[in-house]
Amino acid sequence: MRKTNEPVHCFLHLVASQNGGALQKMRKPWYEAREFAELSKSVTPHILRHTRATWLVQSGIDLWEAAGTLGMSVQMLEEVYGHHSPDFQKKAAEV
């Protein structure tokens, strides 16, 4: 567990093992990252992907750009997360 007086180090990507080689398994690094971030054990990479998709759509970012960062098609993003868009049913509500 991280102590509150320790500095927080930010990582954009986990790209290699501690010795610089390719990672063979993600289980241990994921558990360590989750503990470092003080997240519940119920938080999984899949849940984080759903959260990111929801937040991207809510922000109104271009769906093509959002889908690209998530590694999914625009069609999938629209079908699963489209109802989170600030414009969802806007025209229907104005009728």
N, C-alpha and C. Protein backbone atom coordinates (compact mmCIF):
# COMPACT_ATOMS: atom_id res chain seq x y z
N MET A 1 0.83 -1.18 0.00
CA MET A 1 0.00 0.00 0.00
C MET A 1 0.87 1.24 0.00
N ARG A 2 0.48 2.24 -0.77
CA ARG A 2 1.21 3.50 -0.86
C ARG A 2 0.88 4.35 0.36
N LYS A 3 1.90 4.95 0.94
CA LYS A 3 1.70 5.86 2.06
C LYS A 3 1.31 7.24 1.53
N THR A 4 0.52 7.97 2.27
CA THR A 4 0.01 9.25 1.78
C THR A 4 1.10 10.29 1.57
N ASN A 5 2.24 10.17 2.24
CA ASN A 5 3.29 11.18 2.08
C ASN A 5 4.29 10.83 0.99
N GLU A 6 4.09 9.71 0.31
CA GLU A 6 4.98 9.33 -0.77
C GLU A 6 4.53 9.99 -2.07
N PRO A 7 5.47 10.34 -2.95
CA PRO A 7 5.07 10.93 -4.24
C PRO A 7 4.35 9.90 -5.10
N VAL A 8 3.47 10.38 -5.94
CA VAL A 8 2.75 9.52 -6.87
C VAL A 8 3.50 9.55 -8.19
N HIS A 9 3.81 8.38 -8.71
CA HIS A 9 4.48 8.26 -9.99
C HIS A 9 3.44 7.85 -11.03
N CYS A 10 3.38 8.56 -12.13
CA CYS A 10 2.40 8.26 -13.16
C CYS A 10 3.04 7.45 -14.28
N PHE A 11 2.31 6.48 -14.76
CA PHE A 11 2.77 5.64 -15.85
C PHE A 11 1.70 5.66 -16.93
N LEU A 12 2.11 5.95 -18.15
CA LEU A 12 1.17 5.92 -19.25
C LEU A 12 0.98 4.51 -19.78
N HIS A 13 2.07 3.76 -19.88
CA HIS A 13 2.00 2.42 -20.44
C HIS A 13 2.95 1.50 -19.69
N LEU A 14 2.55 0.28 -19.55
CA LEU A 14 3.44 -0.74 -19.03
C LEU A 14 3.97 -1.48 -20.24
N VAL A 15 5.25 -1.28 -20.54
CA VAL A 15 5.77 -1.81 -21.81
C VAL A 15 6.81 -2.90 -21.64
N ALA A 16 7.36 -3.07 -20.45
CA ALA A 16 8.42 -4.06 -20.29
C ALA A 16 8.51 -4.50 -18.84
N SER A 17 9.16 -5.62 -18.64
CA SER A 17 9.40 -6.10 -17.28
C SER A 17 10.48 -5.24 -16.62
N GLN A 18 10.75 -5.49 -15.36
CA GLN A 18 11.74 -4.70 -14.64
C GLN A 18 13.13 -4.80 -15.27
N ASN A 19 13.44 -5.95 -15.88
CA ASN A 19 14.76 -6.09 -16.49
C ASN A 19 14.76 -5.66 -17.96
N GLY A 20 13.65 -5.09 -18.44
CA GLY A 20 13.59 -4.58 -19.80
C GLY A 20 13.06 -5.57 -20.81
N GLY A 21 12.83 -6.82 -20.42
CA GLY A 21 12.32 -7.82 -21.35
C GLY A 21 10.81 -7.74 -21.49
N ALA A 22 10.30 -8.51 -22.43
CA ALA A 22 8.86 -8.54 -22.66
C ALA A 22 8.14 -9.21 -21.49
N LEU A 23 6.98 -8.73 -21.18
CA LEU A 23 6.17 -9.35 -20.13
C LEU A 23 5.56 -10.64 -20.64
N GLN A 24 5.64 -11.68 -19.85
CA GLN A 24 5.05 -12.95 -20.23
C GLN A 24 3.63 -13.08 -19.70
N LYS A 25 3.38 -12.52 -18.53
CA LYS A 25 2.06 -12.58 -17.90
C LYS A 25 1.74 -11.22 -17.31
N MET A 26 0.48 -10.87 -17.31
CA MET A 26 0.06 -9.57 -16.78
C MET A 26 -0.55 -9.67 -15.39
N ARG A 27 -0.77 -10.85 -14.88
CA ARG A 27 -1.47 -11.00 -13.60
C ARG A 27 -0.76 -10.26 -12.47
N LYS A 28 0.51 -10.57 -12.23
CA LYS A 28 1.22 -9.94 -11.11
C LYS A 28 1.35 -8.43 -11.30
N PRO A 29 1.77 -7.95 -12.48
CA PRO A 29 1.84 -6.49 -12.65
C PRO A 29 0.48 -5.81 -12.47
N TRP A 30 -0.60 -6.46 -12.91
CA TRP A 30 -1.93 -5.87 -12.72
C TRP A 30 -2.26 -5.76 -11.24
N TYR A 31 -2.03 -6.83 -10.50
CA TYR A 31 -2.32 -6.81 -9.06
C TYR A 31 -1.52 -5.71 -8.36
N GLU A 32 -0.26 -5.57 -8.74
CA GLU A 32 0.59 -4.54 -8.13
C GLU A 32 0.11 -3.14 -8.49
N ALA A 33 -0.28 -2.93 -9.75
CA ALA A 33 -0.77 -1.61 -10.17
C ALA A 33 -2.09 -1.28 -9.47
N ARG A 34 -2.96 -2.28 -9.35
CA ARG A 34 -4.24 -2.07 -8.69
C ARG A 34 -4.04 -1.71 -7.21
N GLU A 35 -3.11 -2.39 -6.57
CA GLU A 35 -2.81 -2.10 -5.17
C GLU A 35 -2.21 -0.70 -5.03
N PHE A 36 -1.27 -0.36 -5.93
CA PHE A 36 -0.63 0.95 -5.91
C PHE A 36 -1.67 2.06 -6.06
N ALA A 37 -2.66 1.84 -6.92
CA ALA A 37 -3.71 2.83 -7.16
C ALA A 37 -4.79 2.80 -6.09
N GLU A 38 -4.65 1.88 -5.15
CA GLU A 38 -5.60 1.73 -4.06
C GLU A 38 -7.02 1.47 -4.57
N LEU A 39 -7.12 0.60 -5.59
CA LEU A 39 -8.40 0.20 -6.14
C LEU A 39 -8.88 -1.08 -5.46
N SER A 40 -10.17 -1.26 -5.43
CA SER A 40 -10.78 -2.45 -4.87
C SER A 40 -10.36 -3.69 -5.68
N LYS A 41 -10.33 -4.83 -5.03
CA LYS A 41 -10.00 -6.07 -5.73
C LYS A 41 -11.04 -6.45 -6.77
N SER A 42 -12.22 -5.83 -6.70
CA SER A 42 -13.25 -6.11 -7.70
C SER A 42 -13.01 -5.37 -9.01
N VAL A 43 -12.07 -4.42 -9.04
CA VAL A 43 -11.76 -3.67 -10.25
C VAL A 43 -10.88 -4.52 -11.15
N THR A 44 -11.32 -4.67 -12.40
CA THR A 44 -10.58 -5.47 -13.38
C THR A 44 -10.23 -4.60 -14.58
N PRO A 45 -9.29 -5.03 -15.41
CA PRO A 45 -9.01 -4.27 -16.63
C PRO A 45 -10.26 -4.09 -17.49
N HIS A 46 -11.13 -5.08 -17.52
CA HIS A 46 -12.36 -5.00 -18.30
C HIS A 46 -13.27 -3.88 -17.78
N ILE A 47 -13.39 -3.77 -16.48
CA ILE A 47 -14.20 -2.70 -15.88
C ILE A 47 -13.60 -1.33 -16.22
N LEU A 48 -12.27 -1.23 -16.17
CA LEU A 48 -11.62 0.04 -16.50
C LEU A 48 -11.85 0.41 -17.96
N ARG A 49 -11.90 -0.59 -18.84
CA ARG A 49 -12.16 -0.32 -20.26
C ARG A 49 -13.58 0.23 -20.44
N HIS A 50 -14.55 -0.37 -19.75
CA HIS A 50 -15.93 0.13 -19.80
C HIS A 50 -16.00 1.56 -19.28
N THR A 51 -15.31 1.83 -18.19
CA THR A 51 -15.31 3.17 -17.61
C THR A 51 -14.72 4.18 -18.59
N ARG A 52 -13.58 3.84 -19.20
CA ARG A 52 -12.95 4.73 -20.16
C ARG A 52 -13.88 4.99 -21.35
N ALA A 53 -14.50 3.95 -21.87
CA ALA A 53 -15.41 4.11 -23.00
C ALA A 53 -16.56 5.04 -22.64
N THR A 54 -17.13 4.84 -21.47
CA THR A 54 -18.24 5.68 -21.01
C THR A 54 -17.80 7.13 -20.91
N TRP A 55 -16.66 7.37 -20.27
CA TRP A 55 -16.18 8.74 -20.10
C TRP A 55 -15.86 9.41 -21.43
N LEU A 56 -15.28 8.66 -22.37
CA LEU A 56 -14.97 9.24 -23.68
C LEU A 56 -16.24 9.66 -24.40
N VAL A 57 -17.26 8.80 -24.39
CA VAL A 57 -18.52 9.14 -25.05
C VAL A 57 -19.20 10.31 -24.34
N GLN A 58 -19.20 10.32 -23.03
CA GLN A 58 -19.80 11.42 -22.27
C GLN A 58 -19.12 12.76 -22.57
N SER A 59 -17.82 12.71 -22.85
CA SER A 59 -17.08 13.95 -23.11
C SER A 59 -17.40 14.55 -24.46
N GLY A 60 -18.05 13.77 -25.34
CA GLY A 60 -18.39 14.27 -26.66
C GLY A 60 -17.26 14.18 -27.66
N ILE A 61 -16.18 13.47 -27.31
CA ILE A 61 -15.05 13.31 -28.23
C ILE A 61 -15.51 12.58 -29.49
N ASP A 62 -14.84 12.84 -30.59
CA ASP A 62 -15.15 12.17 -31.85
C ASP A 62 -15.15 10.65 -31.64
N LEU A 63 -16.21 9.98 -32.06
CA LEU A 63 -16.33 8.54 -31.82
C LEU A 63 -15.24 7.73 -32.51
N TRP A 64 -14.80 8.18 -33.68
CA TRP A 64 -13.73 7.47 -34.37
C TRP A 64 -12.45 7.49 -33.54
N GLU A 65 -12.15 8.66 -32.98
CA GLU A 65 -10.96 8.80 -32.13
C GLU A 65 -11.09 7.97 -30.86
N ALA A 66 -12.26 8.02 -30.23
CA ALA A 66 -12.50 7.25 -29.01
C ALA A 66 -12.38 5.75 -29.28
N ALA A 67 -13.00 5.29 -30.36
CA ALA A 67 -12.94 3.87 -30.70
C ALA A 67 -11.50 3.42 -30.93
N GLY A 68 -10.72 4.27 -31.56
CA GLY A 68 -9.32 3.94 -31.81
C GLY A 68 -8.52 3.75 -30.55
N THR A 69 -8.77 4.60 -29.55
CA THR A 69 -8.02 4.46 -28.29
C THR A 69 -8.46 3.25 -27.49
N LEU A 70 -9.68 2.78 -27.75
CA LEU A 70 -10.20 1.62 -27.03
C LEU A 70 -9.96 0.30 -27.76
N GLY A 71 -9.56 0.40 -29.02
CA GLY A 71 -9.33 -0.82 -29.80
C GLY A 71 -10.64 -1.51 -30.18
N MET A 72 -11.67 -0.70 -30.48
CA MET A 72 -12.94 -1.27 -30.92
C MET A 72 -13.46 -0.45 -32.09
N SER A 73 -14.45 -0.98 -32.78
CA SER A 73 -15.01 -0.27 -33.93
C SER A 73 -15.94 0.85 -33.46
N VAL A 74 -16.14 1.82 -34.34
CA VAL A 74 -17.07 2.91 -34.05
C VAL A 74 -18.47 2.33 -33.87
N GLN A 75 -18.82 1.34 -34.69
CA GLN A 75 -20.13 0.71 -34.59
C GLN A 75 -20.34 0.10 -33.20
N MET A 76 -19.35 -0.62 -32.70
CA MET A 76 -19.46 -1.23 -31.38
C MET A 76 -19.58 -0.15 -30.30
N LEU A 77 -18.78 0.90 -30.43
CA LEU A 77 -18.83 1.99 -29.45
C LEU A 77 -20.21 2.64 -29.44
N GLU A 78 -20.77 2.89 -30.62
CA GLU A 78 -22.11 3.49 -30.69
C GLU A 78 -23.18 2.57 -30.12
N GLU A 79 -23.10 1.28 -30.46
CA GLU A 79 -24.13 0.34 -30.01
C GLU A 79 -24.12 0.14 -28.50
N VAL A 80 -22.92 0.04 -27.91
CA VAL A 80 -22.82 -0.29 -26.50
C VAL A 80 -22.82 0.94 -25.61
N TYR A 81 -22.17 2.02 -26.06
CA TYR A 81 -21.99 3.19 -25.19
C TYR A 81 -22.68 4.46 -25.70
N GLY A 82 -23.32 4.39 -26.85
CA GLY A 82 -23.92 5.58 -27.47
C GLY A 82 -24.92 6.30 -26.59
N HIS A 83 -25.61 5.56 -25.73
CA HIS A 83 -26.62 6.21 -24.88
C HIS A 83 -25.99 7.11 -23.82
N HIS A 84 -24.67 7.07 -23.67
CA HIS A 84 -23.98 7.96 -22.73
C HIS A 84 -23.64 9.31 -23.36
N SER A 85 -23.86 9.44 -24.66
CA SER A 85 -23.54 10.68 -25.36
C SER A 85 -24.43 11.82 -24.88
N PRO A 86 -23.87 13.03 -24.74
CA PRO A 86 -24.69 14.17 -24.32
C PRO A 86 -25.78 14.50 -25.36
N ASP A 87 -25.59 14.05 -26.60
CA ASP A 87 -26.57 14.32 -27.66
C ASP A 87 -27.59 13.19 -27.83
N PHE A 88 -27.48 12.13 -27.03
CA PHE A 88 -28.38 10.99 -27.16
C PHE A 88 -29.83 11.44 -26.97
N GLN A 89 -30.65 11.19 -27.96
CA GLN A 89 -32.08 11.49 -28.00
C GLN A 89 -32.38 13.00 -27.88
N LYS A 90 -31.39 13.83 -28.16
CA LYS A 90 -31.60 15.28 -28.08
C LYS A 90 -32.65 15.74 -29.09
N LYS A 91 -32.53 15.26 -30.35
CA LYS A 91 -33.49 15.67 -31.37
C LYS A 91 -34.88 15.15 -31.04
N ALA A 92 -34.97 13.92 -30.55
CA ALA A 92 -36.29 13.35 -30.20
C ALA A 92 -36.94 14.16 -29.08
N ALA A 93 -36.15 14.65 -28.15
CA ALA A 93 -36.69 15.42 -27.03
C ALA A 93 -37.19 16.79 -27.48
N GLU A 94 -36.65 17.29 -28.58
CA GLU A 94 -37.04 18.60 -29.07
C GLU A 94 -38.32 18.57 -29.90
N VAL A 95 -38.80 17.39 -30.27
CA VAL A 95 -40.00 17.26 -31.10
C VAL A 95 -41.24 17.45 -30.28
